[in-house]
PDB file of all heavy atoms in Angstrom:
ATOM      1  N   VAL A   1     -65.480 -94.065  55.854  1.00  0.00           N
ATOM      2  CA  VAL A   1     -64.787 -95.126  56.821  1.00  0.00           C
ATOM      3  C   VAL A   1     -63.997 -94.337  57.820  1.00  0.00           C
ATOM      4  O   VAL A   1     -63.942 -94.654  58.924  1.00  0.00           O
ATOM      5  CB  VAL A   1     -63.928 -95.990  55.837  1.00  0.00           C
ATOM      6  CG1 VAL A   1     -62.982 -96.725  56.815  1.00  0.00           C
ATOM      7  CG2 VAL A   1     -64.825 -97.007  55.025  1.00  0.00           C
ATOM      8  N   ILE A   2     -63.225 -93.246  57.303  1.00  0.00           N
ATOM      9  CA  ILE A   2     -62.437 -92.544  58.296  1.00  0.00           C
ATOM     10  C   ILE A   2     -63.282 -91.783  59.201  1.00  0.00           C
ATOM     11  O   ILE A   2     -62.935 -91.677  60.445  1.00  0.00           O
ATOM     12  CB  ILE A   2     -61.422 -91.498  57.421  1.00  0.00           C
ATOM     13  CG1 ILE A   2     -60.388 -92.225  56.593  1.00  0.00           C
ATOM     14  CG2 ILE A   2     -60.689 -90.581  58.366  1.00  0.00           C
ATOM     15  CD1 ILE A   2     -59.604 -93.115  57.467  1.00  0.00           C
ATOM     16  N   GLN A   3     -64.408 -91.102  58.806  1.00  0.00           N
ATOM     17  CA  GLN A   3     -65.296 -90.396  59.779  1.00  0.00           C
ATOM     18  C   GLN A   3     -65.736 -91.485  60.787  1.00  0.00           C
ATOM     19  O   GLN A   3     -65.772 -91.108  62.013  1.00  0.00           O
ATOM     20  CB  GLN A   3     -66.430 -89.735  58.966  1.00  0.00           C
ATOM     21  CG  GLN A   3     -65.933 -88.382  58.420  1.00  0.00           C
ATOM     22  CD  GLN A   3     -67.170 -87.784  57.695  1.00  0.00           C
ATOM     23  OE1 GLN A   3     -68.079 -88.376  57.185  1.00  0.00           O
ATOM     24  NE2 GLN A   3     -67.300 -86.413  57.837  1.00  0.00           N
ATOM     25  N   SER A   4     -66.187 -92.625  60.317  1.00  0.00           N
ATOM     26  CA  SER A   4     -66.735 -93.554  61.239  1.00  0.00           C
ATOM     27  C   SER A   4     -65.693 -94.061  62.236  1.00  0.00           C
ATOM     28  O   SER A   4     -66.053 -94.257  63.597  1.00  0.00           O
ATOM     29  CB  SER A   4     -67.266 -94.849  60.556  1.00  0.00           C
ATOM     30  OG  SER A   4     -68.297 -94.483  59.664  1.00  0.00           O
ATOM     31  N   HIS A   5     -64.437 -94.175  61.812  1.00  0.00           N
ATOM     32  CA  HIS A   5     -63.312 -94.547  62.654  1.00  0.00           C
ATOM     33  C   HIS A   5     -63.169 -93.522  63.769  1.00  0.00           C
ATOM     34  O   HIS A   5     -63.025 -93.858  64.979  1.00  0.00           O
ATOM     35  CB  HIS A   5     -62.098 -94.755  61.853  1.00  0.00           C
ATOM     36  CG  HIS A   5     -60.820 -94.862  62.642  1.00  0.00           C
ATOM     37  ND1 HIS A   5     -60.547 -95.914  63.510  1.00  0.00           N
ATOM     38  CD2 HIS A   5     -59.795 -94.035  62.758  1.00  0.00           C
ATOM     39  CE1 HIS A   5     -59.395 -95.606  64.162  1.00  0.00           C
ATOM     40  NE2 HIS A   5     -58.892 -94.354  63.738  1.00  0.00           N
ATOM     41  N   ILE A   6     -63.151 -92.258  63.294  1.00  0.00           N
ATOM     42  CA  ILE A   6     -62.912 -91.370  64.320  1.00  0.00           C
ATOM     43  C   ILE A   6     -63.908 -91.081  65.320  1.00  0.00           C
ATOM     44  O   ILE A   6     -63.787 -90.815  66.461  1.00  0.00           O
ATOM     45  CB  ILE A   6     -62.435 -89.923  63.633  1.00  0.00           C
ATOM     46  CG1 ILE A   6     -61.234 -90.119  62.769  1.00  0.00           C
ATOM     47  CG2 ILE A   6     -62.096 -88.771  64.719  1.00  0.00           C
ATOM     48  CD1 ILE A   6     -60.795 -88.980  61.941  1.00  0.00           C
ATOM     49  N   LEU A   7     -65.167 -91.180  64.845  1.00  0.00           N
ATOM     50  CA  LEU A   7     -66.314 -91.163  65.757  1.00  0.00           C
ATOM     51  C   LEU A   7     -66.156 -92.332  66.723  1.00  0.00           C
ATOM     52  O   LEU A   7     -66.482 -92.179  67.993  1.00  0.00           O
ATOM     53  CB  LEU A   7     -67.653 -91.295  64.911  1.00  0.00           C
ATOM     54  CG  LEU A   7     -68.087 -90.071  64.164  1.00  0.00           C
ATOM     55  CD1 LEU A   7     -69.241 -90.366  63.235  1.00  0.00           C
ATOM     56  CD2 LEU A   7     -68.587 -89.076  65.139  1.00  0.00           C
ATOM     57  N   ALA A   8     -65.790 -93.506  66.173  1.00  0.00           N
ATOM     58  CA  ALA A   8     -65.710 -94.707  67.124  1.00  0.00           C
ATOM     59  C   ALA A   8     -64.556 -94.372  68.173  1.00  0.00           C
ATOM     60  O   ALA A   8     -64.699 -95.026  69.352  1.00  0.00           O
ATOM     61  CB  ALA A   8     -65.435 -95.955  66.294  1.00  0.00           C
ATOM     62  N   MET A   9     -63.478 -93.703  67.863  1.00  0.00           N
ATOM     63  CA  MET A   9     -62.536 -93.294  68.807  1.00  0.00           C
ATOM     64  C   MET A   9     -63.011 -92.492  69.971  1.00  0.00           C
ATOM     65  O   MET A   9     -62.609 -92.801  71.049  1.00  0.00           O
ATOM     66  CB  MET A   9     -61.473 -92.480  68.088  1.00  0.00           C
ATOM     67  CG  MET A   9     -60.535 -93.362  67.112  1.00  0.00           C
ATOM     68  SD  MET A   9     -59.282 -92.284  66.150  1.00  0.00           S
ATOM     69  CE  MET A   9     -58.367 -91.612  67.478  1.00  0.00           C
ATOM     70  N   TYR A  10     -63.930 -91.563  69.702  1.00  0.00           N
ATOM     71  CA  TYR A  10     -64.318 -90.630  70.679  1.00  0.00           C
ATOM     72  C   TYR A  10     -65.716 -90.819  71.198  1.00  0.00           C
ATOM     73  O   TYR A  10     -66.032 -90.348  72.422  1.00  0.00           O
ATOM     74  CB  TYR A  10     -64.212 -89.179  70.144  1.00  0.00           C
ATOM     75  CG  TYR A  10     -62.752 -88.820  69.842  1.00  0.00           C
ATOM     76  CD1 TYR A  10     -62.337 -88.767  68.594  1.00  0.00           C
ATOM     77  CD2 TYR A  10     -61.766 -88.566  70.799  1.00  0.00           C
ATOM     78  CE1 TYR A  10     -61.012 -88.507  68.175  1.00  0.00           C
ATOM     79  CE2 TYR A  10     -60.559 -88.312  70.526  1.00  0.00           C
ATOM     80  CZ  TYR A  10     -60.180 -88.171  69.232  1.00  0.00           C
ATOM     81  OH  TYR A  10     -58.868 -87.882  68.875  1.00  0.00           O
ATOM     82  N   LEU A  11     -66.599 -91.573  70.495  1.00  0.00           N
ATOM     83  CA  LEU A  11     -67.931 -91.762  71.069  1.00  0.00           C
ATOM     84  C   LEU A  11     -68.049 -92.577  72.469  1.00  0.00           C
ATOM     85  O   LEU A  11     -68.837 -92.185  73.273  1.00  0.00           O
ATOM     86  CB  LEU A  11     -68.843 -92.569  70.055  1.00  0.00           C
ATOM     87  CG  LEU A  11     -70.239 -92.721  70.267  1.00  0.00           C
ATOM     88  CD1 LEU A  11     -70.903 -91.197  70.252  1.00  0.00           C
ATOM     89  CD2 LEU A  11     -70.999 -93.428  69.110  1.00  0.00           C
ATOM     90  N   PRO A  12     -67.080 -93.519  72.682  1.00  0.00           N
ATOM     91  CA  PRO A  12     -67.095 -94.191  73.950  1.00  0.00           C
ATOM     92  C   PRO A  12     -66.736 -93.286  75.154  1.00  0.00           C
ATOM     93  O   PRO A  12     -67.072 -93.665  76.312  1.00  0.00           O
ATOM     94  CB  PRO A  12     -66.127 -95.313  73.738  1.00  0.00           C
ATOM     95  CG  PRO A  12     -66.017 -95.521  72.366  1.00  0.00           C
ATOM     96  CD  PRO A  12     -66.285 -94.046  71.636  1.00  0.00           C
ATOM     97  N   SER A  13     -66.289 -92.094  74.827  1.00  0.00           N
ATOM     98  CA  SER A  13     -66.004 -91.197  75.911  1.00  0.00           C
ATOM     99  C   SER A  13     -67.288 -90.706  76.777  1.00  0.00           C
ATOM    100  O   SER A  13     -67.067 -90.302  77.910  1.00  0.00           O
ATOM    101  CB  SER A  13     -65.373 -90.066  75.423  1.00  0.00           C
ATOM    102  OG  SER A  13     -64.055 -90.241  74.803  1.00  0.00           O
ATOM    103  N   PHE A  14     -68.416 -90.954  76.134  1.00  0.00           N
ATOM    104  CA  PHE A  14     -69.691 -90.582  76.918  1.00  0.00           C
ATOM    105  C   PHE A  14     -69.747 -91.595  78.118  1.00  0.00           C
ATOM    106  O   PHE A  14     -70.449 -91.144  79.048  1.00  0.00           O
ATOM    107  CB  PHE A  14     -70.858 -90.882  76.084  1.00  0.00           C
ATOM    108  CG  PHE A  14     -71.293 -89.769  75.199  1.00  0.00           C
ATOM    109  CD1 PHE A  14     -71.063 -89.850  73.857  1.00  0.00           C
ATOM    110  CD2 PHE A  14     -71.729 -88.532  75.815  1.00  0.00           C
ATOM    111  CE1 PHE A  14     -71.452 -88.645  72.971  1.00  0.00           C
ATOM    112  CE2 PHE A  14     -71.914 -87.548  74.934  1.00  0.00           C
ATOM    113  CZ  PHE A  14     -71.870 -87.468  73.599  1.00  0.00           C
ATOM    114  N   PHE A  15     -69.086 -92.791  77.979  1.00  0.00           N
ATOM    115  CA  PHE A  15     -69.323 -93.834  79.131  1.00  0.00           C
ATOM    116  C   PHE A  15     -68.039 -94.551  79.557  1.00  0.00           C
ATOM    117  O   PHE A  15     -67.998 -95.133  80.656  1.00  0.00           O
ATOM    118  CB  PHE A  15     -70.217 -94.922  78.633  1.00  0.00           C
ATOM    119  CG  PHE A  15     -70.023 -95.565  77.357  1.00  0.00           C
ATOM    120  CD1 PHE A  15     -69.060 -96.609  77.373  1.00  0.00           C
ATOM    121  CD2 PHE A  15     -70.482 -95.100  76.263  1.00  0.00           C
ATOM    122  CE1 PHE A  15     -68.696 -97.268  76.134  1.00  0.00           C
ATOM    123  CE2 PHE A  15     -70.209 -95.794  75.018  1.00  0.00           C
ATOM    124  CZ  PHE A  15     -69.346 -96.799  75.059  1.00  0.00           C
ATOM    125  N   SER A  16     -66.918 -94.346  78.846  1.00  0.00           N
ATOM    126  CA  SER A  16     -65.710 -94.942  79.249  1.00  0.00           C
ATOM    127  C   SER A  16     -65.271 -94.505  80.643  1.00  0.00           C
ATOM    128  O   SER A  16     -64.654 -95.401  81.404  1.00  0.00           O
ATOM    129  CB  SER A  16     -64.625 -94.895  78.228  1.00  0.00           C
ATOM    130  OG  SER A  16     -64.375 -93.371  77.940  1.00  0.00           O
ATOM    131  N   GLY A  17     -65.342 -93.247  80.965  1.00  0.00           N
ATOM    132  CA  GLY A  17     -64.901 -92.776  82.314  1.00  0.00           C
ATOM    133  C   GLY A  17     -65.794 -93.454  83.464  1.00  0.00           C
ATOM    134  O   GLY A  17     -65.206 -93.920  84.439  1.00  0.00           O
ATOM    135  N   ARG A  18     -67.102 -93.604  83.109  1.00  0.00           N
ATOM    136  CA  ARG A  18     -67.765 -94.252  84.094  1.00  0.00           C
ATOM    137  C   ARG A  18     -67.601 -95.787  84.302  1.00  0.00           C
ATOM    138  O   ARG A  18     -67.682 -96.247  85.330  1.00  0.00           O
ATOM    139  CB  ARG A  18     -69.351 -94.004  83.887  1.00  0.00           C
ATOM    140  CG  ARG A  18     -69.813 -92.529  84.037  1.00  0.00           C
ATOM    141  CD  ARG A  18     -71.237 -92.412  84.027  1.00  0.00           C
ATOM    142  NE  ARG A  18     -71.699 -91.035  84.230  1.00  0.00           N
ATOM    143  CZ  ARG A  18     -72.941 -90.631  84.404  1.00  0.00           C
ATOM    144  NH1 ARG A  18     -73.917 -91.533  84.228  1.00  0.00           N
ATOM    145  NH2 ARG A  18     -73.184 -89.397  84.597  1.00  0.00           N
ATOM    146  N   LEU A  19     -67.278 -96.349  83.175  1.00  0.00           N
ATOM    147  CA  LEU A  19     -66.854 -97.815  83.171  1.00  0.00           C
ATOM    148  C   LEU A  19     -65.626 -97.965  84.086  1.00  0.00           C
ATOM    149  O   LEU A  19     -65.594 -99.111  84.782  1.00  0.00           O
ATOM    150  CB  LEU A  19     -66.601 -98.367  81.688  1.00  0.00           C
ATOM    151  CG  LEU A  19     -67.895 -98.397  80.961  1.00  0.00           C
ATOM    152  CD1 LEU A  19     -67.467 -98.925  79.406  1.00  0.00           C
ATOM    153  CD2 LEU A  19     -68.927 -99.544  81.445  1.00  0.00           C
ATOM    154  N   ILE A  20     -64.779 -97.096  83.845  1.00  0.00           N
ATOM    155  CA  ILE A  20     -63.433 -97.293  84.741  1.00  0.00           C
ATOM    156  C   ILE A  20     -63.814 -97.001  86.067  1.00  0.00           C
ATOM    157  O   ILE A  20     -63.223 -97.684  87.082  1.00  0.00           O
ATOM    158  CB  ILE A  20     -62.464 -96.235  84.272  1.00  0.00           C
ATOM    159  CG1 ILE A  20     -61.814 -96.479  82.886  1.00  0.00           C
ATOM    160  CG2 ILE A  20     -61.253 -96.071  85.301  1.00  0.00           C
ATOM    161  CD1 ILE A  20     -60.942 -95.454  82.321  1.00  0.00           C
ATOM    162  N   GLU A  21     -64.655 -95.939  86.470  1.00  0.00           N
ATOM    163  CA  GLU A  21     -64.966 -95.817  87.910  1.00  0.00           C
ATOM    164  C   GLU A  21     -65.756 -96.928  88.556  1.00  0.00           C
ATOM    165  O   GLU A  21     -65.649 -97.278  89.615  1.00  0.00           O
ATOM    166  CB  GLU A  21     -65.920 -94.573  87.932  1.00  0.00           C
ATOM    167  CG  GLU A  21     -65.269 -93.238  87.671  1.00  0.00           C
ATOM    168  CD  GLU A  21     -66.252 -92.118  87.489  1.00  0.00           C
ATOM    169  OE1 GLU A  21     -67.298 -92.199  87.583  1.00  0.00           O
ATOM    170  OE2 GLU A  21     -65.692 -90.994  87.225  1.00  0.00           O
ATOM    171  N   ARG A  22     -66.363 -97.875  87.683  1.00  0.00           N
ATOM    172  CA  ARG A  22     -67.236 -98.885  88.191  1.00  0.00           C
ATOM    173  C   ARG A  22     -66.363-100.189  88.110  1.00  0.00           C
ATOM    174  O   ARG A  22     -66.432-100.963  89.134  1.00  0.00           O
ATOM    175  CB  ARG A  22     -68.364 -99.107  87.365  1.00  0.00           C
ATOM    176  CG  ARG A  22     -69.298-100.332  87.795  1.00  0.00           C
ATOM    177  CD  ARG A  22     -70.624-100.322  87.146  1.00  0.00           C
ATOM    178  NE  ARG A  22     -71.370-101.399  87.628  1.00  0.00           N
ATOM    179  CZ  ARG A  22     -72.670-101.717  87.229  1.00  0.00           C
ATOM    180  NH1 ARG A  22     -73.189-100.969  86.298  1.00  0.00           N
ATOM    181  NH2 ARG A  22     -73.505-102.822  87.736  1.00  0.00           N
ATOM    182  N   PHE A  23     -65.577-100.497  87.045  1.00  0.00           N
ATOM    183  CA  PHE A  23     -64.899-101.755  86.901  1.00  0.00           C
ATOM    184  C   PHE A  23     -63.385-101.586  87.066  1.00  0.00           C
ATOM    185  O   PHE A  23     -62.764-102.756  87.116  1.00  0.00           O
ATOM    186  CB  PHE A  23     -65.297-102.428  85.552  1.00  0.00           C
ATOM    187  CG  PHE A  23     -66.755-102.721  85.369  1.00  0.00           C
ATOM    188  CD1 PHE A  23     -67.544-101.882  84.586  1.00  0.00           C
ATOM    189  CD2 PHE A  23     -67.342-103.767  86.061  1.00  0.00           C
ATOM    190  CE1 PHE A  23     -68.959-102.134  84.308  1.00  0.00           C
ATOM    191  CE2 PHE A  23     -68.643-103.908  85.963  1.00  0.00           C
ATOM    192  CZ  PHE A  23     -69.505-103.163  85.043  1.00  0.00           C
ATOM    193  N   GLY A  24     -62.859-100.500  86.854  1.00  0.00           N
ATOM    194  CA  GLY A  24     -61.408-100.215  87.027  1.00  0.00           C
ATOM    195  C   GLY A  24     -60.815-100.226  85.548  1.00  0.00           C
ATOM    196  O   GLY A  24     -61.296-100.649  84.695  1.00  0.00           O
ATOM    197  N   ALA A  25     -59.697 -99.345  85.628  1.00  0.00           N
ATOM    198  CA  ALA A  25     -58.920 -99.251  84.313  1.00  0.00           C
ATOM    199  C   ALA A  25     -58.450-100.479  83.713  1.00  0.00           C
ATOM    200  O   ALA A  25     -58.459-100.643  82.409  1.00  0.00           O
ATOM    201  CB  ALA A  25     -57.908 -98.175  84.530  1.00  0.00           C
ATOM    202  N   ALA A  26     -58.015-101.448  84.554  1.00  0.00           N
ATOM    203  CA  ALA A  26     -57.453-102.698  83.859  1.00  0.00           C
ATOM    204  C   ALA A  26     -58.433-103.487  83.080  1.00  0.00           C
ATOM    205  O   ALA A  26     -58.120-104.089  82.044  1.00  0.00           O
ATOM    206  CB  ALA A  26     -56.893-103.589  85.052  1.00  0.00           C
ATOM    207  N   ARG A  27     -59.660-103.556  83.598  1.00  0.00           N
ATOM    208  CA  ARG A  27     -60.711-104.196  82.921  1.00  0.00           C
ATOM    209  C   ARG A  27     -61.134-103.634  81.538  1.00  0.00           C
ATOM    210  O   ARG A  27     -61.279-104.267  80.522  1.00  0.00           O
ATOM    211  CB  ARG A  27     -61.978-104.336  83.755  1.00  0.00           C
ATOM    212  CG  ARG A  27     -61.953-105.265  84.939  1.00  0.00           C
ATOM    213  CD  ARG A  27     -61.752-106.636  84.635  1.00  0.00           C
ATOM    214  NE  ARG A  27     -61.655-107.440  85.793  1.00  0.00           N
ATOM    215  CZ  ARG A  27     -61.217-108.786  85.771  1.00  0.00           C
ATOM    216  NH1 ARG A  27     -60.808-109.271  84.642  1.00  0.00           N
ATOM    217  NH2 ARG A  27     -61.216-109.455  86.902  1.00  0.00           N
ATOM    218  N   LEU A  28     -61.028-102.335  81.457  1.00  0.00           N
ATOM    219  CA  LEU A  28     -61.424-101.492  80.325  1.00  0.00           C
ATOM    220  C   LEU A  28     -60.201-101.690  79.304  1.00  0.00           C
ATOM    221  O   LEU A  28     -60.408-101.858  78.033  1.00  0.00           O
ATOM    222  CB  LEU A  28     -61.488-100.037  80.586  1.00  0.00           C
ATOM    223  CG  LEU A  28     -62.284 -99.258  79.479  1.00  0.00           C
ATOM    224  CD1 LEU A  28     -63.892 -99.810  79.381  1.00  0.00           C
ATOM    225  CD2 LEU A  28     -62.445 -97.893  79.679  1.00  0.00           C
ATOM    226  N   MET A  29     -59.075-101.897  79.812  1.00  0.00           N
ATOM    227  CA  MET A  29     -57.768-102.071  78.962  1.00  0.00           C
ATOM    228  C   MET A  29     -57.755-103.395  78.360  1.00  0.00           C
ATOM    229  O   MET A  29     -57.568-103.530  77.101  1.00  0.00           O
ATOM    230  CB  MET A  29     -56.527-102.084  79.941  1.00  0.00           C
ATOM    231  CG  MET A  29     -55.306-101.671  79.208  1.00  0.00           C
ATOM    232  SD  MET A  29     -53.892-101.605  80.301  1.00  0.00           S
ATOM    233  CE  MET A  29     -54.275 -99.869  81.161  1.00  0.00           C
ATOM    234  N   GLU A  30     -58.332-104.380  79.105  1.00  0.00           N
ATOM    235  CA  GLU A  30     -58.452-105.728  78.506  1.00  0.00           C
ATOM    236  C   GLU A  30     -59.465-105.725  77.449  1.00  0.00           C
ATOM    237  O   GLU A  30     -59.299-106.343  76.262  1.00  0.00           O
ATOM    238  CB  GLU A  30     -58.906-106.750  79.655  1.00  0.00           C
ATOM    239  CG  GLU A  30     -57.794-107.030  80.601  1.00  0.00           C
ATOM    240  CD  GLU A  30     -58.246-107.791  81.865  1.00  0.00           C
ATOM    241  OE1 GLU A  30     -59.406-107.998  82.054  1.00  0.00           O
ATOM    242  OE2 GLU A  30     -57.413-108.186  82.664  1.00  0.00           O
ATOM    243  N   ALA A  31     -60.578-104.906  77.626  1.00  0.00           N
ATOM    244  CA  ALA A  31     -61.617-104.878  76.577  1.00  0.00           C
ATOM    245  C   ALA A  31     -61.051-104.275  75.331  1.00  0.00           C
ATOM    246  O   ALA A  31     -61.392-104.667  74.176  1.00  0.00           O
ATOM    247  CB  ALA A  31     -62.751-104.097  77.098  1.00  0.00           C
ATOM    248  N   GLY A  32     -60.195-103.206  75.545  1.00  0.00           N
ATOM    249  CA  GLY A  32     -59.616-102.519  74.377  1.00  0.00           C
ATOM    250  C   GLY A  32     -58.667-103.596  73.634  1.00  0.00           C
ATOM    251  O   GLY A  32     -58.775-103.483  72.347  1.00  0.00           O
ATOM    252  N   LEU A  33     -57.940-104.403  74.322  1.00  0.00           N
ATOM    253  CA  LEU A  33     -57.148-105.404  73.615  1.00  0.00           C
ATOM    254  C   LEU A  33     -58.051-106.430  72.789  1.00  0.00           C
ATOM    255  O   LEU A  33     -57.609-106.900  71.688  1.00  0.00           O
ATOM    256  CB  LEU A  33     -56.233-106.045  74.635  1.00  0.00           C
ATOM    257  CG  LEU A  33     -55.126-105.234  75.213  1.00  0.00           C
ATOM    258  CD1 LEU A  33     -54.398-105.991  76.271  1.00  0.00           C
ATOM    259  CD2 LEU A  33     -54.145-104.773  74.131  1.00  0.00           C
ATOM    260  N   VAL A  34     -59.012-106.834  73.400  1.00  0.00           N
ATOM    261  CA  VAL A  34     -60.043-107.712  72.758  1.00  0.00           C
ATOM    262  C   VAL A  34     -60.564-107.095  71.459  1.00  0.00           C
ATOM    263  O   VAL A  34     -60.554-107.706  70.379  1.00  0.00           O
ATOM    264  CB  VAL A  34     -61.145-108.238  73.585  1.00  0.00           C
ATOM    265  CG1 VAL A  34     -62.200-108.962  72.831  1.00  0.00           C
ATOM    266  CG2 VAL A  34     -60.644-109.002  74.811  1.00  0.00           C
ATOM    267  N   LEU A  35     -60.937-105.934  71.572  1.00  0.00           N
ATOM    268  CA  LEU A  35     -61.511-105.100  70.236  1.00  0.00           C
ATOM    269  C   LEU A  35     -60.446-104.969  69.245  1.00  0.00           C
ATOM    270  O   LEU A  35     -60.720-105.121  68.098  1.00  0.00           O
ATOM    271  CB  LEU A  35     -61.953-103.754  70.748  1.00  0.00           C
ATOM    272  CG  LEU A  35     -63.341-103.621  71.608  1.00  0.00           C
ATOM    273  CD1 LEU A  35     -63.487-102.268  72.137  1.00  0.00           C
ATOM    274  CD2 LEU A  35     -64.353-104.005  70.691  1.00  0.00           C
ATOM    275  N   TYR A  36     -59.172-104.792  69.661  1.00  0.00           N
ATOM    276  CA  TYR A  36     -58.131-104.731  68.600  1.00  0.00           C
ATOM    277  C   TYR A  36     -57.921-106.136  67.969  1.00  0.00           C
ATOM    278  O   TYR A  36     -57.718-106.246  66.778  1.00  0.00           O
ATOM    279  CB  TYR A  36     -56.776-104.213  69.347  1.00  0.00           C
ATOM    280  CG  TYR A  36     -56.548-102.836  69.223  1.00  0.00           C
ATOM    281  CD1 TYR A  36     -57.544-101.872  68.938  1.00  0.00           C
ATOM    282  CD2 TYR A  36     -55.332-102.244  69.606  1.00  0.00           C
ATOM    283  CE1 TYR A  36     -57.273-100.600  68.865  1.00  0.00           C
ATOM    284  CE2 TYR A  36     -54.994-100.899  69.540  1.00  0.00           C
ATOM    285  CZ  TYR A  36     -56.005-100.075  69.244  1.00  0.00           C
ATOM    286  OH  TYR A  36     -55.833 -98.674  69.186  1.00  0.00           O
ATOM    287  N   ALA A  37     -58.084-107.154  68.789  1.00  0.00           N
ATOM    288  CA  ALA A  37     -57.850-108.450  68.153  1.00  0.00           C
ATOM    289  C   ALA A  37     -58.952-108.765  67.121  1.00  0.00           C
ATOM    290  O   ALA A  37     -58.793-109.344  66.034  1.00  0.00           O
ATOM    291  CB  ALA A  37     -57.826-109.513  69.258  1.00  0.00           C
TER     292      ALA A  37
END
């Protein structure tokens, strides 16, 4: 469980930078809050 969690923390780094470049940081921030909920 802990390994999966930490992998999930860093695996999106393959594409999160490009998502920000395309959609903006605010949109990605909103997606993060939804995932937390």
